N, C-alpha and C. Protein backbone atom coordinates (compact mmCIF):
# COMPACT_ATOMS: atom_id res chain seq x y z
N MET A 1 -171.31 84.85 -70.14
CA MET A 1 -171.32 84.44 -71.53
C MET A 1 -172.75 84.16 -71.95
N THR A 2 -172.97 84.11 -73.25
CA THR A 2 -174.26 83.69 -73.79
C THR A 2 -174.09 82.31 -74.40
N LYS A 3 -174.83 81.36 -73.90
CA LYS A 3 -174.72 80.00 -74.42
C LYS A 3 -175.53 79.93 -75.71
N ARG A 4 -174.85 79.74 -76.81
CA ARG A 4 -175.51 79.79 -78.09
C ARG A 4 -175.27 78.48 -78.83
N ASN A 5 -176.35 77.89 -79.33
CA ASN A 5 -176.23 76.64 -80.07
C ASN A 5 -175.82 76.88 -81.52
N SER A 6 -175.86 78.12 -81.95
CA SER A 6 -175.50 78.48 -83.31
C SER A 6 -175.13 79.95 -83.31
N THR A 7 -174.78 80.46 -84.48
CA THR A 7 -174.52 81.90 -84.60
C THR A 7 -175.77 82.66 -84.99
N ALA A 8 -176.91 82.02 -84.95
CA ALA A 8 -178.17 82.66 -85.33
C ALA A 8 -178.47 83.84 -84.41
N PRO A 9 -179.07 84.91 -84.94
CA PRO A 9 -179.44 86.05 -84.09
C PRO A 9 -180.52 85.66 -83.09
N ILE A 10 -180.62 86.46 -82.01
CA ILE A 10 -181.53 86.16 -80.92
C ILE A 10 -182.78 87.02 -80.99
N ILE A 11 -183.93 86.38 -80.81
CA ILE A 11 -185.20 87.07 -80.62
C ILE A 11 -185.56 87.00 -79.14
N ILE A 12 -185.97 88.12 -78.58
CA ILE A 12 -186.45 88.17 -77.20
C ILE A 12 -187.98 88.22 -77.23
N ILE A 13 -188.61 87.35 -76.44
CA ILE A 13 -190.06 87.36 -76.25
C ILE A 13 -190.32 87.99 -74.89
N GLY A 14 -190.96 89.16 -74.88
CA GLY A 14 -191.23 89.86 -73.63
C GLY A 14 -190.77 91.31 -73.71
N GLY A 15 -191.63 92.20 -73.22
CA GLY A 15 -191.31 93.62 -73.30
C GLY A 15 -191.35 94.32 -71.96
N GLY A 16 -191.26 93.57 -70.86
CA GLY A 16 -191.36 94.16 -69.53
C GLY A 16 -190.03 94.29 -68.83
N GLY A 17 -190.10 94.40 -67.49
CA GLY A 17 -188.91 94.63 -66.69
C GLY A 17 -187.89 93.51 -66.79
N HIS A 18 -188.36 92.25 -66.79
CA HIS A 18 -187.39 91.16 -66.87
C HIS A 18 -186.67 91.17 -68.21
N ALA A 19 -187.38 91.52 -69.28
CA ALA A 19 -186.73 91.62 -70.58
C ALA A 19 -185.62 92.66 -70.57
N LYS A 20 -185.82 93.76 -69.82
CA LYS A 20 -184.75 94.75 -69.69
C LYS A 20 -183.47 94.12 -69.14
N VAL A 21 -183.65 93.30 -68.11
CA VAL A 21 -182.49 92.68 -67.46
C VAL A 21 -181.80 91.71 -68.42
N VAL A 22 -182.59 90.95 -69.16
CA VAL A 22 -182.02 89.99 -70.12
C VAL A 22 -181.26 90.73 -71.23
N ILE A 23 -181.86 91.79 -71.76
CA ILE A 23 -181.20 92.54 -72.83
C ILE A 23 -179.94 93.21 -72.31
N ALA A 24 -179.98 93.70 -71.07
CA ALA A 24 -178.78 94.30 -70.47
C ALA A 24 -177.65 93.28 -70.39
N ALA A 25 -177.99 92.02 -70.07
CA ALA A 25 -176.97 90.97 -70.02
C ALA A 25 -176.36 90.72 -71.40
N LEU A 26 -177.20 90.77 -72.43
CA LEU A 26 -176.68 90.65 -73.79
C LEU A 26 -175.73 91.80 -74.12
N LYS A 27 -176.14 93.01 -73.77
CA LYS A 27 -175.34 94.18 -74.11
C LYS A 27 -174.01 94.20 -73.37
N GLN A 28 -173.95 93.57 -72.19
CA GLN A 28 -172.67 93.44 -71.50
C GLN A 28 -171.68 92.62 -72.31
N GLN A 29 -172.20 91.86 -73.26
CA GLN A 29 -171.35 91.03 -74.13
C GLN A 29 -171.28 91.59 -75.55
N GLU A 30 -171.69 92.86 -75.67
CA GLU A 30 -171.70 93.54 -76.97
C GLU A 30 -172.57 92.80 -77.98
N LEU A 31 -173.70 92.28 -77.47
CA LEU A 31 -174.71 91.64 -78.30
C LEU A 31 -176.02 92.39 -78.15
N SER A 32 -176.88 92.23 -79.13
CA SER A 32 -178.20 92.85 -79.09
C SER A 32 -179.22 91.89 -79.69
N PRO A 33 -180.47 91.94 -79.20
CA PRO A 33 -181.49 91.11 -79.84
C PRO A 33 -181.77 91.60 -81.26
N GLN A 34 -182.05 90.67 -82.14
CA GLN A 34 -182.43 91.03 -83.50
C GLN A 34 -183.81 91.69 -83.50
N ARG A 35 -184.73 91.10 -82.72
CA ARG A 35 -186.08 91.65 -82.62
C ARG A 35 -186.61 91.35 -81.22
N ILE A 36 -187.59 92.16 -80.76
CA ILE A 36 -188.26 91.96 -79.48
C ILE A 36 -189.75 91.87 -79.75
N PHE A 37 -190.36 90.77 -79.30
CA PHE A 37 -191.80 90.56 -79.47
C PHE A 37 -192.48 90.51 -78.10
N ASP A 38 -193.72 90.97 -78.05
CA ASP A 38 -194.50 90.90 -76.82
C ASP A 38 -195.95 90.59 -77.18
N GLU A 39 -196.68 90.00 -76.23
CA GLU A 39 -198.07 89.63 -76.49
C GLU A 39 -199.03 90.81 -76.45
N ALA A 40 -198.66 91.87 -75.73
CA ALA A 40 -199.57 93.00 -75.54
C ALA A 40 -199.87 93.67 -76.88
N LEU A 41 -201.11 94.10 -77.04
CA LEU A 41 -201.49 94.84 -78.24
C LEU A 41 -200.78 96.19 -78.22
N ILE A 42 -200.04 96.46 -79.25
CA ILE A 42 -199.23 97.67 -79.30
C ILE A 42 -199.81 98.61 -80.36
N GLU A 43 -200.13 99.81 -79.98
CA GLU A 43 -200.57 100.84 -80.92
C GLU A 43 -199.40 101.77 -81.22
N PRO A 44 -199.28 102.21 -82.46
CA PRO A 44 -198.18 103.14 -82.79
C PRO A 44 -198.27 104.41 -81.95
N PRO A 45 -197.16 105.04 -81.56
CA PRO A 45 -195.80 104.52 -81.76
C PRO A 45 -195.47 103.42 -80.76
N ALA A 46 -194.78 102.39 -81.21
CA ALA A 46 -194.48 101.25 -80.35
C ALA A 46 -193.49 101.64 -79.26
N PRO A 47 -193.64 101.09 -78.05
CA PRO A 47 -192.63 101.33 -77.01
C PRO A 47 -191.31 100.68 -77.37
N LYS A 48 -190.26 101.07 -76.65
CA LYS A 48 -188.93 100.55 -76.93
C LYS A 48 -188.25 100.09 -75.65
N LEU A 49 -187.33 99.17 -75.81
CA LEU A 49 -186.40 98.77 -74.74
C LEU A 49 -185.00 98.99 -75.27
N PHE A 50 -184.23 99.86 -74.60
CA PHE A 50 -182.87 100.16 -75.04
C PHE A 50 -182.83 100.52 -76.54
N ASP A 51 -183.77 101.31 -76.97
CA ASP A 51 -183.86 101.76 -78.37
C ASP A 51 -184.26 100.65 -79.34
N HIS A 52 -184.65 99.50 -78.82
CA HIS A 52 -185.17 98.43 -79.69
C HIS A 52 -186.70 98.49 -79.67
N GLU A 53 -187.30 98.56 -80.81
CA GLU A 53 -188.76 98.60 -80.89
C GLU A 53 -189.37 97.27 -80.48
N ILE A 54 -190.45 97.32 -79.73
CA ILE A 54 -191.19 96.12 -79.33
C ILE A 54 -192.31 95.88 -80.34
N GLU A 55 -192.38 94.66 -80.86
CA GLU A 55 -193.38 94.31 -81.86
C GLU A 55 -194.35 93.28 -81.29
N ASN A 56 -195.54 93.23 -81.85
CA ASN A 56 -196.45 92.15 -81.50
C ASN A 56 -195.88 90.81 -81.95
N ILE A 57 -196.16 89.76 -81.20
CA ILE A 57 -195.72 88.42 -81.60
C ILE A 57 -196.37 88.06 -82.94
N PRO A 58 -195.57 87.65 -83.91
CA PRO A 58 -196.13 87.34 -85.23
C PRO A 58 -197.09 86.15 -85.20
N LYS A 59 -197.89 86.07 -86.24
CA LYS A 59 -198.80 84.95 -86.41
C LYS A 59 -198.02 83.68 -86.72
N SER A 60 -198.73 82.54 -86.63
CA SER A 60 -198.07 81.24 -86.74
C SER A 60 -197.37 81.02 -88.08
N ASP A 61 -197.90 81.62 -89.16
CA ASP A 61 -197.27 81.38 -90.46
C ASP A 61 -195.87 82.01 -90.53
N TRP A 62 -195.66 83.13 -89.79
CA TRP A 62 -194.33 83.74 -89.74
C TRP A 62 -193.36 82.79 -89.06
N TRP A 63 -193.77 82.19 -87.96
CA TRP A 63 -192.89 81.29 -87.24
C TRP A 63 -192.54 80.05 -88.07
N GLU A 64 -193.51 79.55 -88.80
CA GLU A 64 -193.25 78.37 -89.61
C GLU A 64 -192.17 78.63 -90.64
N THR A 65 -192.11 79.87 -91.13
CA THR A 65 -191.14 80.23 -92.16
C THR A 65 -189.80 80.65 -91.57
N ASN A 66 -189.84 81.32 -90.41
CA ASN A 66 -188.64 82.01 -89.92
C ASN A 66 -188.01 81.47 -88.64
N ALA A 67 -188.75 80.68 -87.87
CA ALA A 67 -188.26 80.31 -86.53
C ALA A 67 -186.89 79.66 -86.55
N SER A 68 -186.61 78.84 -87.54
CA SER A 68 -185.34 78.12 -87.58
C SER A 68 -184.14 79.04 -87.80
N ARG A 69 -184.39 80.28 -88.22
CA ARG A 69 -183.30 81.22 -88.51
C ARG A 69 -182.78 81.90 -87.25
N PHE A 70 -183.51 81.75 -86.13
CA PHE A 70 -183.20 82.51 -84.93
C PHE A 70 -183.01 81.59 -83.73
N GLN A 71 -182.28 82.11 -82.73
CA GLN A 71 -182.39 81.60 -81.38
C GLN A 71 -183.41 82.46 -80.65
N ILE A 72 -184.17 81.85 -79.75
CA ILE A 72 -185.28 82.54 -79.10
C ILE A 72 -185.14 82.40 -77.60
N HIS A 73 -185.37 83.51 -76.90
CA HIS A 73 -185.35 83.50 -75.43
C HIS A 73 -186.63 84.16 -74.92
N ILE A 74 -187.36 83.45 -74.04
CA ILE A 74 -188.58 83.99 -73.44
C ILE A 74 -188.21 84.74 -72.18
N ALA A 75 -188.20 86.07 -72.27
CA ALA A 75 -187.76 86.93 -71.17
C ALA A 75 -188.97 87.48 -70.43
N ILE A 76 -189.70 86.57 -69.79
CA ILE A 76 -190.91 86.90 -69.03
C ILE A 76 -190.79 86.24 -67.67
N GLY A 77 -190.96 87.03 -66.61
CA GLY A 77 -190.75 86.51 -65.26
C GLY A 77 -191.83 85.57 -64.77
N ASN A 78 -193.03 85.64 -65.34
CA ASN A 78 -194.15 84.81 -64.92
C ASN A 78 -193.94 83.37 -65.38
N ASN A 79 -193.88 82.44 -64.44
CA ASN A 79 -193.55 81.05 -64.78
C ASN A 79 -194.60 80.37 -65.66
N PRO A 80 -195.90 80.42 -65.33
CA PRO A 80 -196.88 79.79 -66.21
C PRO A 80 -196.89 80.37 -67.63
N CYS A 81 -196.69 81.68 -67.73
CA CYS A 81 -196.65 82.31 -69.05
C CYS A 81 -195.46 81.82 -69.86
N ARG A 82 -194.31 81.69 -69.20
CA ARG A 82 -193.12 81.19 -69.89
C ARG A 82 -193.33 79.76 -70.37
N GLN A 83 -193.96 78.94 -69.54
CA GLN A 83 -194.24 77.57 -69.95
C GLN A 83 -195.19 77.54 -71.15
N ARG A 84 -196.26 78.33 -71.08
CA ARG A 84 -197.25 78.34 -72.17
C ARG A 84 -196.62 78.75 -73.50
N LEU A 85 -195.82 79.81 -73.48
CA LEU A 85 -195.21 80.28 -74.72
C LEU A 85 -194.20 79.28 -75.26
N SER A 86 -193.53 78.57 -74.38
CA SER A 86 -192.57 77.57 -74.85
C SER A 86 -193.26 76.44 -75.60
N ILE A 87 -194.54 76.22 -75.27
CA ILE A 87 -195.32 75.19 -75.96
C ILE A 87 -195.95 75.75 -77.23
N GLU A 88 -196.46 76.97 -77.15
CA GLU A 88 -197.19 77.55 -78.28
C GLU A 88 -196.29 77.96 -79.43
N LEU A 89 -195.09 78.44 -79.13
CA LEU A 89 -194.22 78.93 -80.20
C LEU A 89 -193.54 77.76 -80.90
N PRO A 90 -193.64 77.71 -82.22
CA PRO A 90 -193.03 76.60 -82.97
C PRO A 90 -191.53 76.80 -83.11
N ALA A 91 -190.82 76.68 -81.99
CA ALA A 91 -189.38 76.91 -81.98
C ALA A 91 -188.70 75.82 -81.17
N SER A 92 -187.48 75.52 -81.53
CA SER A 92 -186.71 74.54 -80.76
C SER A 92 -185.30 75.04 -80.45
N ASN A 93 -184.92 76.16 -81.03
CA ASN A 93 -183.57 76.69 -80.86
C ASN A 93 -183.59 77.75 -79.76
N TRP A 94 -183.69 77.29 -78.50
CA TRP A 94 -183.84 78.20 -77.37
C TRP A 94 -182.47 78.69 -76.90
N ALA A 95 -182.34 80.00 -76.71
CA ALA A 95 -181.08 80.59 -76.28
C ALA A 95 -181.01 80.65 -74.75
N THR A 96 -179.95 80.11 -74.19
CA THR A 96 -179.63 80.31 -72.77
C THR A 96 -178.69 81.50 -72.67
N ILE A 97 -179.04 82.45 -71.81
CA ILE A 97 -178.27 83.69 -71.69
C ILE A 97 -177.70 83.78 -70.28
N ILE A 98 -176.41 83.95 -70.18
CA ILE A 98 -175.70 83.99 -68.91
C ILE A 98 -174.93 85.30 -68.82
N HIS A 99 -175.21 86.08 -67.79
CA HIS A 99 -174.50 87.35 -67.61
C HIS A 99 -173.01 87.08 -67.40
N PRO A 100 -172.13 87.91 -67.95
CA PRO A 100 -170.69 87.63 -67.83
C PRO A 100 -170.15 87.66 -66.41
N SER A 101 -170.87 88.29 -65.48
CA SER A 101 -170.40 88.31 -64.09
C SER A 101 -170.86 87.10 -63.29
N ALA A 102 -171.72 86.27 -63.86
CA ALA A 102 -172.18 85.07 -63.16
C ALA A 102 -171.05 84.04 -63.12
N MET A 103 -171.06 83.21 -62.06
CA MET A 103 -170.10 82.12 -61.95
C MET A 103 -170.85 80.80 -62.07
N VAL A 104 -170.55 80.06 -63.12
CA VAL A 104 -171.21 78.77 -63.37
C VAL A 104 -170.13 77.70 -63.44
N HIS A 105 -170.16 76.77 -62.49
CA HIS A 105 -169.14 75.73 -62.50
C HIS A 105 -169.32 74.84 -63.72
N ASN A 106 -168.19 74.35 -64.25
CA ASN A 106 -168.26 73.59 -65.49
C ASN A 106 -168.91 72.22 -65.32
N SER A 107 -169.15 71.78 -64.09
CA SER A 107 -169.87 70.52 -63.90
C SER A 107 -171.38 70.72 -63.77
N ALA A 108 -171.82 71.97 -63.69
CA ALA A 108 -173.26 72.24 -63.60
C ALA A 108 -173.92 71.94 -64.94
N LYS A 109 -175.17 71.51 -64.88
CA LYS A 109 -175.93 71.21 -66.10
C LYS A 109 -177.00 72.29 -66.26
N ILE A 110 -176.92 73.02 -67.36
CA ILE A 110 -177.80 74.15 -67.61
C ILE A 110 -178.69 73.83 -68.81
N GLY A 111 -180.01 73.96 -68.63
CA GLY A 111 -180.95 73.60 -69.67
C GLY A 111 -181.07 74.65 -70.77
N GLN A 112 -182.06 74.44 -71.64
CA GLN A 112 -182.32 75.35 -72.74
C GLN A 112 -183.18 76.53 -72.28
N GLY A 113 -182.94 77.69 -72.87
CA GLY A 113 -183.78 78.84 -72.60
C GLY A 113 -183.62 79.42 -71.21
N VAL A 114 -182.55 79.08 -70.52
CA VAL A 114 -182.31 79.54 -69.14
C VAL A 114 -181.74 80.96 -69.16
N PHE A 115 -182.08 81.75 -68.13
CA PHE A 115 -181.41 83.02 -67.91
C PHE A 115 -180.73 83.00 -66.56
N ILE A 116 -179.43 83.32 -66.54
CA ILE A 116 -178.66 83.43 -65.30
C ILE A 116 -178.15 84.87 -65.22
N SER A 117 -178.58 85.58 -64.19
CA SER A 117 -178.38 87.02 -64.11
C SER A 117 -177.04 87.38 -63.46
N ALA A 118 -176.82 88.69 -63.35
CA ALA A 118 -175.56 89.22 -62.85
C ALA A 118 -175.25 88.71 -61.44
N ASN A 119 -173.99 88.31 -61.24
CA ASN A 119 -173.46 87.90 -59.93
C ASN A 119 -174.12 86.65 -59.35
N ALA A 120 -174.89 85.93 -60.14
CA ALA A 120 -175.41 84.65 -59.68
C ALA A 120 -174.28 83.63 -59.62
N ILE A 121 -174.44 82.63 -58.75
CA ILE A 121 -173.43 81.58 -58.59
C ILE A 121 -174.11 80.22 -58.70
N ILE A 122 -173.60 79.40 -59.60
CA ILE A 122 -174.09 78.03 -59.78
C ILE A 122 -172.93 77.10 -59.45
N GLN A 123 -173.06 76.36 -58.36
CA GLN A 123 -171.95 75.56 -57.85
C GLN A 123 -171.90 74.16 -58.48
N PRO A 124 -170.85 73.37 -58.17
CA PRO A 124 -170.66 72.09 -58.84
C PRO A 124 -171.86 71.15 -58.76
N ASP A 125 -172.12 70.51 -59.90
CA ASP A 125 -173.12 69.45 -60.05
C ASP A 125 -174.55 69.93 -59.80
N ALA A 126 -174.77 71.23 -59.82
CA ALA A 126 -176.14 71.74 -59.79
C ALA A 126 -176.78 71.49 -61.16
N VAL A 127 -178.10 71.34 -61.16
CA VAL A 127 -178.87 71.13 -62.39
C VAL A 127 -179.92 72.23 -62.48
N ILE A 128 -179.94 72.93 -63.60
CA ILE A 128 -180.91 74.00 -63.84
C ILE A 128 -181.77 73.60 -65.03
N GLY A 129 -183.08 73.47 -64.81
CA GLY A 129 -183.98 73.00 -65.85
C GLY A 129 -184.26 74.04 -66.92
N ASP A 130 -184.92 73.60 -67.98
CA ASP A 130 -185.23 74.44 -69.13
C ASP A 130 -186.06 75.65 -68.73
N HIS A 131 -185.75 76.79 -69.34
CA HIS A 131 -186.52 78.04 -69.18
C HIS A 131 -186.60 78.51 -67.73
N ALA A 132 -185.63 78.11 -66.92
CA ALA A 132 -185.57 78.61 -65.54
C ALA A 132 -184.89 79.98 -65.51
N ILE A 133 -185.20 80.75 -64.48
CA ILE A 133 -184.56 82.04 -64.25
C ILE A 133 -183.78 81.95 -62.93
N ILE A 134 -182.51 82.23 -62.99
CA ILE A 134 -181.68 82.36 -61.79
C ILE A 134 -181.32 83.85 -61.71
N ASN A 135 -181.99 84.57 -60.85
CA ASN A 135 -181.94 86.02 -60.92
C ASN A 135 -180.72 86.59 -60.18
N THR A 136 -180.65 87.91 -60.12
CA THR A 136 -179.46 88.64 -59.69
C THR A 136 -178.96 88.17 -58.31
N ALA A 137 -177.68 87.79 -58.27
CA ALA A 137 -176.97 87.43 -57.03
C ALA A 137 -177.56 86.23 -56.31
N ALA A 138 -178.36 85.41 -56.99
CA ALA A 138 -178.83 84.16 -56.39
C ALA A 138 -177.68 83.16 -56.32
N VAL A 139 -177.71 82.31 -55.28
CA VAL A 139 -176.68 81.29 -55.08
C VAL A 139 -177.35 79.92 -55.12
N ILE A 140 -176.94 79.10 -56.08
CA ILE A 140 -177.41 77.72 -56.20
C ILE A 140 -176.23 76.84 -55.82
N GLU A 141 -176.30 76.25 -54.65
CA GLU A 141 -175.15 75.50 -54.14
C GLU A 141 -175.04 74.12 -54.79
N HIS A 142 -173.99 73.42 -54.42
CA HIS A 142 -173.67 72.13 -55.02
C HIS A 142 -174.85 71.15 -54.96
N ASP A 143 -175.04 70.43 -56.05
CA ASP A 143 -176.00 69.31 -56.12
C ASP A 143 -177.46 69.74 -55.99
N CYS A 144 -177.75 71.02 -56.12
CA CYS A 144 -179.16 71.43 -56.17
C CYS A 144 -179.77 71.03 -57.50
N ASN A 145 -181.06 70.82 -57.50
CA ASN A 145 -181.78 70.47 -58.73
C ASN A 145 -182.97 71.40 -58.88
N ILE A 146 -182.94 72.26 -59.89
CA ILE A 146 -183.96 73.28 -60.13
C ILE A 146 -184.76 72.87 -61.35
N GLY A 147 -186.08 72.74 -61.21
CA GLY A 147 -186.93 72.23 -62.27
C GLY A 147 -187.15 73.24 -63.40
N ASN A 148 -187.74 72.74 -64.48
CA ASN A 148 -188.10 73.59 -65.61
C ASN A 148 -189.03 74.72 -65.16
N PHE A 149 -188.87 75.88 -65.76
CA PHE A 149 -189.76 77.04 -65.59
C PHE A 149 -189.75 77.63 -64.18
N CYS A 150 -188.76 77.29 -63.37
CA CYS A 150 -188.64 77.91 -62.05
C CYS A 150 -188.14 79.35 -62.17
N HIS A 151 -188.43 80.13 -61.15
CA HIS A 151 -187.86 81.48 -61.02
C HIS A 151 -187.26 81.58 -59.63
N ILE A 152 -185.95 81.65 -59.59
CA ILE A 152 -185.21 81.83 -58.35
C ILE A 152 -184.87 83.32 -58.28
N ALA A 153 -185.54 84.05 -57.41
CA ALA A 153 -185.50 85.51 -57.40
C ALA A 153 -184.18 86.04 -56.86
N PRO A 154 -183.96 87.38 -56.95
CA PRO A 154 -182.69 87.94 -56.51
C PRO A 154 -182.32 87.61 -55.06
N SER A 155 -181.03 87.34 -54.87
CA SER A 155 -180.41 87.13 -53.55
C SER A 155 -180.94 85.92 -52.80
N VAL A 156 -181.55 84.97 -53.50
CA VAL A 156 -181.92 83.69 -52.89
C VAL A 156 -180.66 82.86 -52.67
N THR A 157 -180.62 82.09 -51.58
CA THR A 157 -179.55 81.11 -51.35
C THR A 157 -180.18 79.74 -51.16
N LEU A 158 -179.89 78.83 -52.08
CA LEU A 158 -180.33 77.44 -51.96
C LEU A 158 -179.13 76.62 -51.55
N CYS A 159 -179.14 76.10 -50.33
CA CYS A 159 -178.02 75.30 -49.85
C CYS A 159 -178.00 73.93 -50.53
N GLY A 160 -176.89 73.23 -50.37
CA GLY A 160 -176.63 72.02 -51.12
C GLY A 160 -177.74 70.99 -51.08
N HIS A 161 -177.95 70.32 -52.21
CA HIS A 161 -178.92 69.23 -52.37
C HIS A 161 -180.38 69.70 -52.22
N THR A 162 -180.63 70.99 -52.33
CA THR A 162 -182.01 71.46 -52.38
C THR A 162 -182.64 71.06 -53.72
N THR A 163 -183.89 70.61 -53.67
CA THR A 163 -184.64 70.27 -54.88
C THR A 163 -185.83 71.21 -55.00
N VAL A 164 -185.99 71.82 -56.18
CA VAL A 164 -187.10 72.72 -56.44
C VAL A 164 -187.86 72.20 -57.64
N GLY A 165 -189.16 71.91 -57.47
CA GLY A 165 -189.96 71.33 -58.53
C GLY A 165 -190.30 72.32 -59.63
N GLU A 166 -190.82 71.80 -60.73
CA GLU A 166 -191.14 72.59 -61.91
C GLU A 166 -192.04 73.78 -61.58
N GLY A 167 -191.73 74.92 -62.19
CA GLY A 167 -192.60 76.07 -62.14
C GLY A 167 -192.67 76.82 -60.83
N THR A 168 -191.82 76.50 -59.88
CA THR A 168 -191.90 77.10 -58.55
C THR A 168 -191.18 78.45 -58.52
N LEU A 169 -191.75 79.37 -57.74
CA LEU A 169 -191.16 80.68 -57.50
C LEU A 169 -190.57 80.72 -56.10
N ILE A 170 -189.28 81.03 -56.00
CA ILE A 170 -188.62 81.24 -54.71
C ILE A 170 -188.38 82.74 -54.58
N GLY A 171 -189.08 83.39 -53.64
CA GLY A 171 -189.05 84.84 -53.52
C GLY A 171 -187.71 85.40 -53.09
N ALA A 172 -187.52 86.67 -53.39
CA ALA A 172 -186.24 87.35 -53.17
C ALA A 172 -185.76 87.21 -51.72
N GLY A 173 -184.46 86.92 -51.58
CA GLY A 173 -183.84 86.86 -50.27
C GLY A 173 -184.14 85.61 -49.46
N SER A 174 -184.82 84.64 -50.03
CA SER A 174 -185.14 83.41 -49.29
C SER A 174 -183.92 82.50 -49.18
N VAL A 175 -183.98 81.61 -48.18
CA VAL A 175 -182.88 80.68 -47.91
C VAL A 175 -183.46 79.29 -47.65
N THR A 176 -182.79 78.26 -48.13
CA THR A 176 -183.16 76.89 -47.77
C THR A 176 -182.02 76.23 -47.01
N ILE A 177 -182.37 75.30 -46.13
CA ILE A 177 -181.33 74.48 -45.52
C ILE A 177 -180.94 73.37 -46.49
N PRO A 178 -179.80 72.73 -46.29
CA PRO A 178 -179.38 71.66 -47.19
C PRO A 178 -180.40 70.52 -47.25
N GLY A 179 -180.64 70.03 -48.46
CA GLY A 179 -181.43 68.83 -48.65
C GLY A 179 -182.93 69.01 -48.64
N VAL A 180 -183.43 70.24 -48.48
CA VAL A 180 -184.87 70.43 -48.41
C VAL A 180 -185.49 70.23 -49.79
N LYS A 181 -186.74 69.78 -49.82
CA LYS A 181 -187.46 69.54 -51.08
C LYS A 181 -188.65 70.51 -51.17
N ILE A 182 -188.74 71.19 -52.29
CA ILE A 182 -189.83 72.12 -52.55
C ILE A 182 -190.55 71.62 -53.79
N GLY A 183 -191.87 71.48 -53.71
CA GLY A 183 -192.64 70.85 -54.78
C GLY A 183 -192.79 71.70 -56.01
N ALA A 184 -193.58 71.17 -56.97
CA ALA A 184 -193.83 71.83 -58.24
C ALA A 184 -194.88 72.92 -58.09
N TRP A 185 -194.69 74.02 -58.83
CA TRP A 185 -195.65 75.12 -58.90
C TRP A 185 -196.01 75.66 -57.51
N ALA A 186 -195.05 75.62 -56.62
CA ALA A 186 -195.20 76.19 -55.28
C ALA A 186 -194.70 77.64 -55.30
N LYS A 187 -194.95 78.35 -54.20
CA LYS A 187 -194.47 79.72 -54.04
C LYS A 187 -193.89 79.87 -52.65
N VAL A 188 -192.68 80.40 -52.61
CA VAL A 188 -192.02 80.70 -51.34
C VAL A 188 -191.90 82.22 -51.26
N GLY A 189 -192.52 82.82 -50.24
CA GLY A 189 -192.54 84.26 -50.11
C GLY A 189 -191.16 84.86 -49.88
N ALA A 190 -191.01 86.10 -50.28
CA ALA A 190 -189.72 86.79 -50.14
C ALA A 190 -189.25 86.78 -48.69
N GLY A 191 -187.96 86.55 -48.51
CA GLY A 191 -187.35 86.56 -47.18
C GLY A 191 -187.64 85.34 -46.33
N SER A 192 -188.16 84.29 -46.91
CA SER A 192 -188.49 83.09 -46.14
C SER A 192 -187.26 82.24 -45.86
N THR A 193 -187.36 81.44 -44.79
CA THR A 193 -186.35 80.44 -44.47
C THR A 193 -187.03 79.08 -44.52
N VAL A 194 -186.65 78.25 -45.47
CA VAL A 194 -187.33 76.97 -45.70
C VAL A 194 -186.52 75.85 -45.06
N VAL A 195 -187.08 75.25 -44.01
CA VAL A 195 -186.39 74.16 -43.32
C VAL A 195 -187.21 72.87 -43.34
N LEU A 196 -188.43 72.93 -43.86
CA LEU A 196 -189.29 71.76 -44.00
C LEU A 196 -189.72 71.61 -45.45
N GLU A 197 -190.14 70.42 -45.82
CA GLU A 197 -190.59 70.16 -47.18
C GLU A 197 -191.81 71.01 -47.52
N VAL A 198 -191.86 71.49 -48.75
CA VAL A 198 -192.98 72.26 -49.26
C VAL A 198 -193.69 71.42 -50.32
N ASP A 199 -195.00 71.25 -50.20
CA ASP A 199 -195.75 70.41 -51.13
C ASP A 199 -195.99 71.12 -52.46
N ASP A 200 -196.39 70.33 -53.47
CA ASP A 200 -196.77 70.89 -54.76
C ASP A 200 -197.87 71.94 -54.58
N LYS A 201 -197.75 73.05 -55.29
CA LYS A 201 -198.74 74.13 -55.34
C LYS A 201 -198.99 74.80 -53.99
N GLU A 202 -198.15 74.56 -53.02
CA GLU A 202 -198.29 75.18 -51.72
C GLU A 202 -197.59 76.54 -51.70
N THR A 203 -198.15 77.48 -50.96
CA THR A 203 -197.54 78.79 -50.76
C THR A 203 -197.10 78.89 -49.30
N VAL A 204 -195.83 79.22 -49.09
CA VAL A 204 -195.31 79.36 -47.73
C VAL A 204 -194.63 80.72 -47.59
N ILE A 205 -194.74 81.27 -46.40
CA ILE A 205 -194.17 82.58 -46.11
C ILE A 205 -193.50 82.53 -44.74
N GLY A 206 -192.35 83.17 -44.60
CA GLY A 206 -191.69 83.26 -43.31
C GLY A 206 -190.85 82.04 -43.00
N ARG A 207 -190.80 81.68 -41.73
CA ARG A 207 -189.96 80.56 -41.29
C ARG A 207 -190.78 79.30 -41.22
N ARG A 208 -190.52 78.37 -42.12
CA ARG A 208 -191.24 77.09 -42.14
C ARG A 208 -190.46 76.11 -41.29
N ALA A 209 -190.73 76.12 -39.97
CA ALA A 209 -189.88 75.37 -39.06
C ALA A 209 -190.71 74.79 -37.93
N THR A 210 -190.14 73.84 -37.24
CA THR A 210 -190.76 73.30 -36.04
C THR A 210 -190.06 73.86 -34.80
N LEU A 211 -190.74 73.84 -33.67
CA LEU A 211 -190.18 74.33 -32.42
C LEU A 211 -189.03 73.42 -32.00
N LEU A 212 -187.89 74.03 -31.67
CA LEU A 212 -186.74 73.26 -31.23
C LEU A 212 -187.00 72.75 -29.80
N ASP A 213 -186.37 71.61 -29.48
CA ASP A 213 -186.45 71.08 -28.12
C ASP A 213 -185.86 72.07 -27.13
N LYS A 214 -186.53 72.24 -26.01
CA LYS A 214 -186.03 73.16 -24.99
C LYS A 214 -184.95 72.48 -24.16
């Protein structure tokens, strides 16, 4: 489903690969973005996504006049960029988009501007912060807490009570043990197994573990 605070049409910010996935999720629900904006300088003829023309992001005076008429979703995979645009754009009506094949328990708390992709699973009492991405087939188990602007990449499994700080990237196919804490703006490399705490802004790859007793 698409979590909508109103019946206002949706604007997508972003013209890259992640935007394709977000728009595809909308189309699975027979919805389409009203407009697609991107920061890149576009020379005619403008590129398209699913036959939708990509436009340059309008100047501030356009937003002051029009922002309240739309719901807006920042469909950009880069976490710092998503955070910056959420601050720069004079908007407050952020659209959370959930693919219809995703399973989201009704006790989970989902923030504003979140994207939950196909076949993702959000289990009971999980918390997903604003503008987070829960990508394809990711599993967020019970009582996990995912911070604002996080990107949980495809096929990640976060076991129960995992905490992920703001802006952190968890690479594709990674796994955490229950209760592990991962700091803010950290990076976990694809295919990693996280069994120890990860500090703020730390990058970890592979198996973060201690030697077992012989």
